[in-house]
Amino acid sequence: MEAFKEKIWLSSPTMHGPEIEYVKEAYDTNWMSTVGANINEVERLACEKIGCKYAVALSAGTAALHLAVKLAGVKTGDKVFCSDMTFDATVNPVVYEGGVPVFIDTEYDTWNMDPKALEKAFLMYPDVKLVVVAHLYGTPCKMDEIRATCDKYGARIIEDAAESLGATYKGKQTGCLGDYNAVSFNGNKIITGSAGGMLLTDCRDDADKVRKWSTQARENAPWYQHEELGYNYRMSNVIAGVVRGQFPYLEEHIAQKKAIYERYKKGFEGLPVKMNPYDAKNSEPNFWLSCMIIDEAAMCRQVRGETEALYITEPGKTCPTEILETLAKYNAEARPIWKPMHQQPIYRMNAFITREGSGRARTNAYIAGGARGADGRPLDIGADIFSRGLCLPSDNKMTPEQQDKIIEIIRGLF
């Protein structure tokens, strides 16, 4: 089997034409900075789509999360409960404000924050007043259960919907389910501006604060007057032009991504693997990335260090490292599942909570010998998913024939 002549990407931007027209409009009218019609329009479009009252267009989803943490009033030393299996951009903004992330383990049903582990965390740290939840790979969390626990303890929620724009939970769009909400338009997201993000809220005061902070916190004075710390976080009118041109194609992109997910699911029938799960009764993902997880009995031996991995091939078995390396040989891009935050060197000393309580001491036991809880499941679920899972090529420009070839390559490894 020959390699793909053109690289098959994990998830690359898909442009349609109107984007360049709005960028050209910014150029022709000389509105090239952080003011202009494109910014106003993308904020309006986001509110209309997501169902929130106010949107503030920013330079990145990370900027939106940072200002959400600031709105929440996090101070030095404050503990904040955070999704464990996510990109570190979910967590880093907590540290920007001096907060201390406490990581909540993942659950198998959605690969998101485990509501039972969150309950356990509040029993251990009842004074925590903020929870940061991420919708992994475009699949919504169990928000009702998370919200009920947060309400019980008087905690607020930052919803990291960076990966899930267009996904719904019980009929509501992600991006309006928390007290403070963030989305991303990074280059590989479901729609893109090449960069950019947005803070979404129903509180006008919060929107006004973020708008001010994002433009260096300038006061209403005839000169540059500053009374608090500000940031250079506002979205440019040029980037907004790209996002504006992308918005009408959001549903088309979601449909394409869902077709990719379903094609993988059918193509893997009979293999000892499963696709990344979601609660079909209560949610509809945006299917941003299609992922798979290998059954434990079908895993060949694999070990990962900080930057390298080793595995031993076995007939009828494989592992994420072998699949990733093989796809790369055929010029197709895949990647590992997000490495859990509690396993990252920068956060290795932070508290980590499983549904059975503190998981810090148990993590190494699981990695070394597969320690399990009373229900027979691994104690560290995020580490288990990371060990056995991977993100598949999910580019919506990939043809069915190209995807069939990827499926054939993976089937051949079993």
Protein backbone atom coordinates (compact mmCIF):
# COMPACT_ATOMS: atom_id res chain seq x y z
CA MET A 1 0.00 0.00 0.00
CA GLU A 2 1.43 3.37 -1.02
CA ALA A 3 1.61 6.42 1.21
CA PHE A 4 -0.82 9.27 0.64
CA LYS A 5 0.58 11.72 -1.92
CA GLU A 6 -0.91 14.65 -0.03
CA LYS A 7 -0.77 14.64 3.75
CA ILE A 8 -3.95 13.67 5.57
CA TRP A 9 -4.23 16.11 8.47
CA LEU A 10 -5.67 15.63 11.92
CA SER A 11 -7.86 18.72 11.50
CA SER A 12 -6.89 21.62 9.25
CA PRO A 13 -8.70 24.87 8.37
CA THR A 14 -11.39 24.65 5.70
CA MET A 15 -11.90 27.93 3.87
CA HIS A 16 -14.89 28.74 1.67
CA GLY A 17 -14.37 32.16 0.07
CA PRO A 18 -16.31 34.76 2.08
CA GLU A 19 -13.48 34.86 4.62
CA ILE A 20 -11.11 36.68 2.25
CA GLU A 21 -13.83 39.15 1.31
CA TYR A 22 -14.30 40.23 4.93
CA VAL A 23 -10.53 40.43 5.41
CA LYS A 24 -10.33 42.57 2.27
CA GLU A 25 -13.12 44.76 3.65
CA ALA A 26 -11.02 45.38 6.76
CA TYR A 27 -8.06 46.21 4.51
CA ASP A 28 -10.00 48.47 2.15
CA THR A 29 -11.65 50.42 4.97
CA ASN A 30 -8.35 50.57 6.92
CA TRP A 31 -9.92 49.00 10.03
CA MET A 32 -6.95 46.72 10.70
CA SER A 33 -6.74 46.90 14.49
CA THR A 34 -9.10 45.93 17.33
CA VAL A 35 -12.14 47.93 16.20
CA GLY A 36 -14.36 47.34 13.19
CA ALA A 37 -17.47 45.86 11.63
CA ASN A 38 -16.11 42.31 11.56
CA ILE A 39 -15.61 42.25 15.33
CA ASN A 40 -19.10 43.59 15.96
CA GLU A 41 -20.60 41.04 13.61
CA VAL A 42 -18.80 37.96 14.99
CA GLU A 43 -19.92 38.93 18.49
CA ARG A 44 -23.49 39.19 17.23
CA LEU A 45 -23.26 35.88 15.38
CA ALA A 46 -21.87 34.11 18.45
CA CYS A 47 -24.68 35.38 20.67
CA GLU A 48 -27.26 34.38 18.07
CA LYS A 49 -25.84 30.86 17.65
CA ILE A 50 -25.00 30.05 21.25
CA GLY A 51 -27.90 31.80 22.94
CA CYS A 52 -26.04 34.13 25.27
CA LYS A 53 -26.61 37.86 25.69
CA TYR A 54 -23.04 39.13 25.38
CA ALA A 55 -19.87 38.05 23.59
CA VAL A 56 -16.43 39.64 23.71
CA ALA A 57 -14.09 38.74 20.85
CA LEU A 58 -10.54 38.13 22.07
CA SER A 59 -7.15 37.13 20.71
CA ALA A 60 -7.43 33.48 21.82
CA GLY A 61 -9.55 31.04 23.76
CA THR A 62 -6.80 31.13 26.38
CA ALA A 63 -7.33 34.87 26.77
CA ALA A 64 -11.03 34.24 27.32
CA LEU A 65 -10.28 31.64 29.97
CA HIS A 66 -7.79 33.93 31.69
CA LEU A 67 -10.27 36.78 31.93
CA ALA A 68 -12.94 34.33 33.11
CA VAL A 69 -10.62 33.30 35.95
CA LYS A 70 -10.10 36.99 36.72
CA LEU A 71 -13.87 37.59 36.71
CA ALA A 72 -14.27 34.70 39.14
CA GLY A 73 -11.98 36.51 41.57
CA VAL A 74 -9.29 33.84 41.90
CA LYS A 75 -6.52 35.02 44.22
CA THR A 76 -3.08 33.69 45.09
CA GLY A 77 -3.35 30.34 46.82
CA ASP A 78 -7.00 29.68 45.93
CA LYS A 79 -7.66 26.08 44.96
CA VAL A 80 -9.63 25.55 41.75
CA PHE A 81 -11.06 22.22 40.57
CA CYS A 82 -10.08 21.55 36.94
CA SER A 83 -10.65 18.93 34.26
CA ASP A 84 -7.65 16.61 34.26
CA MET A 85 -7.64 15.23 30.72
CA THR A 86 -7.44 18.37 28.61
CA PHE A 87 -4.99 20.70 26.89
CA ASP A 88 -3.01 22.75 29.39
CA ALA A 89 -4.61 25.97 28.10
CA THR A 90 -7.64 24.97 30.18
CA VAL A 91 -5.54 25.03 33.35
CA ASN A 92 -2.74 27.57 32.87
CA PRO A 93 -5.01 30.64 33.25
CA VAL A 94 -5.78 29.55 36.82
CA VAL A 95 -2.06 29.77 37.55
CA TYR A 96 -1.78 33.16 35.81
CA GLU A 97 -3.91 34.56 38.65
CA GLY A 98 -2.03 32.66 41.37
CA GLY A 99 -4.59 29.88 41.75
CA VAL A 100 -3.72 26.25 42.48
CA PRO A 101 -5.33 23.68 40.15
CA VAL A 102 -6.72 20.54 41.77
CA PHE A 103 -7.31 17.95 39.08
CA ILE A 104 -10.52 15.91 38.88
CA ASP A 105 -10.30 12.51 37.23
CA THR A 106 -12.08 11.57 34.02
CA GLU A 107 -15.04 9.22 33.51
CA TYR A 108 -15.46 6.68 30.74
CA ASP A 109 -18.94 7.75 29.58
CA THR A 110 -17.81 11.02 27.95
CA TRP A 111 -14.05 11.19 28.66
CA ASN A 112 -14.80 14.37 30.61
CA MET A 113 -14.72 15.38 34.28
CA ASP A 114 -16.17 12.65 36.50
CA PRO A 115 -19.09 14.10 38.52
CA LYS A 116 -18.52 11.48 41.24
CA ALA A 117 -14.87 12.47 41.56
CA LEU A 118 -15.99 16.11 41.75
CA GLU A 119 -18.30 15.25 44.65
CA LYS A 120 -15.39 13.54 46.40
CA ALA A 121 -13.21 16.60 45.79
CA PHE A 122 -15.72 18.91 47.48
CA LEU A 123 -15.83 16.60 50.50
CA MET A 124 -12.07 17.00 50.74
CA TYR A 125 -11.94 20.72 49.87
CA PRO A 126 -15.40 22.17 50.69
CA ASP A 127 -14.21 25.78 50.47
CA VAL A 128 -13.36 25.67 46.76
CA LYS A 129 -15.51 28.20 44.87
CA LEU A 130 -14.58 27.60 41.21
CA VAL A 131 -14.65 24.63 38.82
CA VAL A 132 -13.15 24.69 35.31
CA VAL A 133 -14.68 22.06 33.01
CA ALA A 134 -13.66 21.28 29.42
CA HIS A 135 -15.76 19.50 26.78
CA LEU A 136 -13.16 17.11 25.41
CA TYR A 137 -12.89 16.77 21.62
CA GLY A 138 -16.30 18.42 21.21
CA THR A 139 -18.23 16.07 23.52
CA PRO A 140 -20.26 17.79 26.26
CA CYS A 141 -19.70 17.03 29.94
CA LYS A 142 -22.46 15.81 32.24
CA MET A 143 -23.25 19.42 33.06
CA ASP A 144 -26.41 18.88 35.12
CA GLU A 145 -24.60 16.64 37.58
CA ILE A 146 -21.60 18.97 37.73
CA ARG A 147 -23.88 21.99 38.18
CA ALA A 148 -25.86 20.33 40.98
CA THR A 149 -22.69 19.63 42.95
CA CYS A 150 -21.35 23.13 42.36
CA ASP A 151 -24.63 24.69 43.48
CA LYS A 152 -24.56 22.58 46.64
CA TYR A 153 -21.19 24.05 47.60
CA GLY A 154 -21.73 27.55 46.22
CA ALA A 155 -19.10 27.17 43.48
CA ARG A 156 -19.15 28.78 40.06
CA ILE A 157 -18.30 27.14 36.75
CA ILE A 158 -15.96 28.22 33.96
CA GLU A 159 -16.99 26.31 30.84
CA ASP A 160 -14.12 25.66 28.45
CA ALA A 161 -16.01 25.11 25.20
CA ALA A 162 -12.91 25.73 23.06
CA GLU A 163 -13.30 22.37 21.30
CA SER A 164 -17.10 22.10 21.32
CA LEU A 165 -18.57 25.07 19.44
CA GLY A 166 -21.88 23.90 17.97
CA ALA A 167 -22.27 20.92 20.32
CA THR A 168 -25.42 20.76 22.44
CA TYR A 169 -26.32 19.45 25.88
CA LYS A 170 -30.01 18.84 26.55
CA GLY A 171 -30.87 21.16 23.68
CA LYS A 172 -28.60 24.00 24.79
CA GLN A 173 -25.43 25.05 23.02
CA THR A 174 -22.15 24.57 24.82
CA GLY A 175 -20.70 27.98 25.54
CA CYS A 176 -23.69 29.08 27.61
CA LEU A 177 -23.74 26.36 30.28
CA GLY A 178 -21.34 27.86 32.79
CA ASP A 179 -21.18 31.08 34.78
CA TYR A 180 -18.30 32.15 32.53
CA ASN A 181 -17.81 30.58 29.10
CA ALA A 182 -15.04 30.47 26.50
CA VAL A 183 -14.74 29.29 22.89
CA SER A 184 -11.77 29.14 20.52
CA PHE A 185 -11.19 29.87 16.83
CA ASN A 186 -7.69 28.40 16.72
CA GLY A 187 -6.47 27.08 13.39
CA ASN A 188 -7.58 23.47 13.87
CA LYS A 189 -11.00 24.13 15.47
CA ILE A 190 -14.42 23.38 13.95
CA ILE A 191 -14.42 26.93 12.51
CA THR A 192 -11.36 29.12 12.62
CA GLY A 193 -9.98 32.63 12.40
CA SER A 194 -6.41 31.24 12.32
CA ALA A 195 -6.47 32.50 15.92
CA GLY A 196 -8.97 34.12 18.23
CA GLY A 197 -11.44 33.24 20.94
CA MET A 198 -14.43 34.64 22.75
CA LEU A 199 -15.82 35.10 26.23
CA LEU A 200 -19.57 34.52 26.44
CA THR A 201 -21.87 35.64 29.23
CA ASP A 202 -25.37 36.76 30.16
CA CYS A 203 -23.96 39.42 32.51
CA ARG A 204 -23.46 42.85 30.97
CA ASP A 205 -21.12 43.98 33.77
CA ASP A 206 -18.88 40.97 33.16
CA ALA A 207 -18.81 41.64 29.42
CA ASP A 208 -17.95 45.30 30.02
CA LYS A 209 -15.14 44.36 32.41
CA VAL A 210 -13.63 41.89 29.94
CA ARG A 211 -13.89 44.40 27.11
CA LYS A 212 -12.02 46.92 29.25
CA TRP A 213 -9.38 44.51 30.56
CA SER A 214 -8.72 43.19 27.05
CA THR A 215 -7.78 46.69 25.82
CA GLN A 216 -5.23 47.48 28.55
CA ALA A 217 -7.90 48.59 31.07
CA ARG A 218 -7.99 52.13 29.76
CA GLU A 219 -10.28 54.44 31.77
CA ASN A 220 -12.80 56.85 30.25
CA ALA A 221 -10.52 59.89 30.14
CA PRO A 222 -9.11 62.17 27.39
CA TRP A 223 -5.66 60.67 27.97
CA TYR A 224 -4.41 57.17 28.72
CA GLN A 225 -5.59 56.64 32.28
CA HIS A 226 -5.06 53.26 33.97
CA GLU A 227 -6.31 52.25 37.41
CA GLU A 228 -6.00 48.46 37.15
CA LEU A 229 -4.01 45.83 35.30
CA GLY A 230 -4.99 45.34 31.67
CA TYR A 231 -4.08 43.06 28.77
CA ASN A 232 -3.64 43.23 25.01
CA TYR A 233 -6.28 40.56 24.41
CA ARG A 234 -8.80 42.06 21.95
CA MET A 235 -9.43 40.28 18.64
CA SER A 236 -8.28 42.14 15.56
CA ASN A 237 -10.75 43.14 12.86
CA VAL A 238 -8.71 41.09 10.37
CA ILE A 239 -8.97 37.86 12.36
CA ALA A 240 -12.64 38.63 12.97
CA GLY A 241 -13.12 38.79 9.20
CA VAL A 242 -12.02 35.18 8.86
CA VAL A 243 -14.26 34.06 11.73
CA ARG A 244 -17.17 36.02 10.24
CA GLY A 245 -16.75 34.20 6.95
CA GLN A 246 -16.57 30.82 8.71
CA PHE A 247 -19.68 31.10 10.89
CA PRO A 248 -22.23 30.26 8.14
CA TYR A 249 -20.39 26.96 7.56
CA LEU A 250 -20.38 25.74 11.19
CA GLU A 251 -23.25 23.27 10.72
CA GLU A 252 -21.77 22.00 7.46
CA HIS A 253 -18.44 21.33 9.18
CA ILE A 254 -20.21 19.51 12.05
CA ALA A 255 -22.10 17.30 9.58
CA GLN A 256 -18.85 16.45 7.80
CA LYS A 257 -17.12 15.64 11.08
CA LYS A 258 -20.01 13.45 12.20
CA ALA A 259 -19.86 11.51 8.92
CA ILE A 260 -16.16 10.87 9.56
CA TYR A 261 -16.94 9.60 13.07
CA GLU A 262 -19.68 7.27 11.80
CA ARG A 263 -17.47 5.96 9.00
CA TYR A 264 -14.73 5.07 11.47
CA LYS A 265 -17.26 3.44 13.78
CA LYS A 266 -18.59 1.23 10.98
CA GLY A 267 -15.13 0.56 9.57
CA PHE A 268 -13.84 -0.70 12.91
CA GLU A 269 -16.68 -3.17 13.44
CA GLY A 270 -15.28 -6.48 14.61
CA LEU A 271 -12.07 -4.95 15.96
CA PRO A 272 -11.33 -4.79 19.73
CA VAL A 273 -11.70 -1.00 19.75
CA LYS A 274 -14.34 1.61 20.58
CA MET A 275 -14.88 5.18 19.44
CA ASN A 276 -14.79 8.12 21.87
CA PRO A 277 -18.19 7.91 23.60
CA TYR A 278 -20.96 10.41 24.20
CA ASP A 279 -24.36 10.46 25.88
CA ALA A 280 -26.65 10.23 22.85
CA LYS A 281 -29.75 10.73 25.00
CA ASN A 282 -28.67 14.11 26.37
CA SER A 283 -26.01 15.50 24.06
CA GLU A 284 -24.94 15.95 20.47
CA PRO A 285 -21.19 16.53 20.03
CA ASN A 286 -19.70 18.59 17.25
CA PHE A 287 -17.46 15.55 16.48
CA TRP A 288 -14.41 17.83 16.18
CA LEU A 289 -12.01 14.91 16.55
CA SER A 290 -12.76 11.23 16.09
CA CYS A 291 -10.87 9.11 18.62
CA MET A 292 -10.54 5.43 19.38
CA ILE A 293 -9.58 3.37 22.41
CA ILE A 294 -8.15 -0.15 22.23
CA ASP A 295 -9.61 -2.88 24.45
CA GLU A 296 -7.25 -3.80 27.28
CA ALA A 297 -6.91 -7.41 26.09
CA ALA A 298 -5.83 -6.20 22.62
CA MET A 299 -3.05 -3.90 23.83
CA CYS A 300 0.51 -4.93 23.06
CA ARG A 301 3.08 -3.93 25.66
CA GLN A 302 3.79 -0.19 25.60
CA VAL A 303 5.67 2.13 27.90
CA ARG A 304 5.96 5.92 27.70
CA GLY A 305 8.61 8.17 29.16
CA GLU A 306 8.44 11.97 29.22
CA THR A 307 9.24 12.39 25.52
CA GLU A 308 9.60 8.89 24.07
CA ALA A 309 7.63 5.67 23.86
CA LEU A 310 8.53 2.02 23.35
CA TYR A 311 6.36 -0.96 22.46
CA ILE A 312 6.71 -4.63 21.57
CA THR A 313 4.72 -5.87 18.60
CA GLU A 314 2.45 -8.85 19.20
CA PRO A 315 0.26 -10.76 16.72
CA GLY A 316 -3.36 -9.66 16.95
CA LYS A 317 -2.51 -6.74 19.23
CA THR A 318 -1.38 -3.16 18.85
CA CYS A 319 -1.08 0.10 20.84
CA PRO A 320 -1.46 3.83 20.19
CA THR A 321 2.26 4.31 19.59
CA GLU A 322 2.36 1.64 16.87
CA ILE A 323 -0.77 3.05 15.19
CA LEU A 324 0.57 6.63 15.31
CA GLU A 325 3.94 5.61 13.87
CA THR A 326 2.32 3.51 11.14
CA LEU A 327 -0.08 6.26 10.06
CA ALA A 328 2.84 8.71 9.95
CA LYS A 329 4.66 6.36 7.55
CA TYR A 330 1.67 6.61 5.25
CA ASN A 331 1.68 10.44 5.52
CA ALA A 332 -1.37 10.69 7.78
CA GLU A 333 -1.44 12.79 10.94
CA ALA A 334 -2.92 11.42 14.16
CA ARG A 335 -1.98 12.18 17.76
CA PRO A 336 -2.15 10.80 21.29
CA ILE A 337 -5.04 11.61 23.61
CA TRP A 338 -4.33 14.64 25.81
CA LYS A 339 -1.89 13.53 28.50
CA PRO A 340 -3.66 14.09 31.84
CA MET A 341 -2.61 17.24 33.65
CA HIS A 342 -1.71 15.40 36.86
CA GLN A 343 0.93 13.50 34.87
CA GLN A 344 2.50 16.65 33.44
CA PRO A 345 5.84 17.58 35.06
CA ILE A 346 4.67 21.15 35.69
CA TYR A 347 1.62 19.96 37.67
CA ARG A 348 2.84 16.66 39.07
CA MET A 349 2.76 17.90 42.68
CA ASN A 350 -0.81 19.22 42.46
CA ALA A 351 -3.64 17.33 44.11
CA PHE A 352 -5.48 14.80 41.94
CA ILE A 353 -8.88 13.43 42.93
CA THR A 354 -10.50 10.21 41.70
CA ARG A 355 -13.99 8.95 42.49
CA GLU A 356 -12.41 6.98 45.34
CA GLY A 357 -10.62 9.96 46.80
CA SER A 358 -7.04 11.15 46.47
CA GLY A 359 -5.44 9.54 43.45
CA ARG A 360 -1.94 10.97 43.68
CA ALA A 361 -0.32 8.02 45.43
CA ARG A 362 -2.34 5.55 43.38
CA THR A 363 -1.35 6.80 39.94
CA ASN A 364 2.12 5.26 39.96
CA ALA A 365 0.63 2.01 41.27
CA TYR A 366 -1.77 1.93 38.35
CA ILE A 367 0.96 2.62 35.81
CA ALA A 368 3.22 -0.05 37.29
CA GLY A 369 0.71 -2.77 38.07
CA GLY A 370 -2.80 -1.81 37.03
CA ALA A 371 -4.24 -1.04 40.49
CA ARG A 372 -8.04 -1.12 40.49
CA GLY A 373 -10.91 0.05 42.62
CA ALA A 374 -13.73 -1.91 44.22
CA ASP A 375 -15.68 -1.85 40.94
CA GLY A 376 -12.78 -3.48 39.09
CA ARG A 377 -11.99 -0.36 37.08
CA PRO A 378 -8.61 1.38 37.01
CA LEU A 379 -8.18 3.88 39.82
CA ASP A 380 -6.81 6.48 37.40
CA ILE A 381 -9.24 6.55 34.48
CA GLY A 382 -7.60 9.46 32.65
CA ALA A 383 -4.27 7.65 32.64
CA ASP A 384 -5.99 4.53 31.29
CA ILE A 385 -7.64 6.42 28.41
CA PHE A 386 -4.34 8.15 27.63
CA SER A 387 -2.57 4.79 27.59
CA ARG A 388 -5.04 3.07 25.24
CA GLY A 389 -6.49 5.92 23.16
CA LEU A 390 -5.56 8.09 20.20
CA CYS A 391 -7.02 10.83 18.01
CA LEU A 392 -7.60 9.74 14.41
CA PRO A 393 -7.23 11.82 11.24
CA SER A 394 -10.43 13.91 11.31
CA ASP A 395 -9.96 16.49 8.59
CA ASN A 396 -13.25 17.31 6.90
CA LYS A 397 -11.51 17.54 3.51
CA MET A 398 -10.48 13.89 3.76
CA THR A 399 -12.31 11.82 1.14
CA PRO A 400 -14.19 8.61 1.98
CA GLU A 401 -11.60 6.70 -0.05
CA GLN A 402 -8.76 8.21 1.97
CA GLN A 403 -10.53 7.39 5.22
CA ASP A 404 -11.19 3.83 4.06
CA LYS A 405 -7.44 3.47 3.50
CA ILE A 406 -6.73 4.72 7.04
CA ILE A 407 -9.24 2.21 8.39
CA GLU A 408 -7.55 -0.55 6.35
CA ILE A 409 -4.12 0.42 7.72
CA ILE A 410 -5.37 0.26 11.31
CA ARG A 411 -7.23 -3.02 10.77
CA GLY A 412 -3.99 -4.47 9.42
CA LEU A 413 -2.24 -3.82 12.74
CA PHE A 414 -4.57 -6.28 14.49
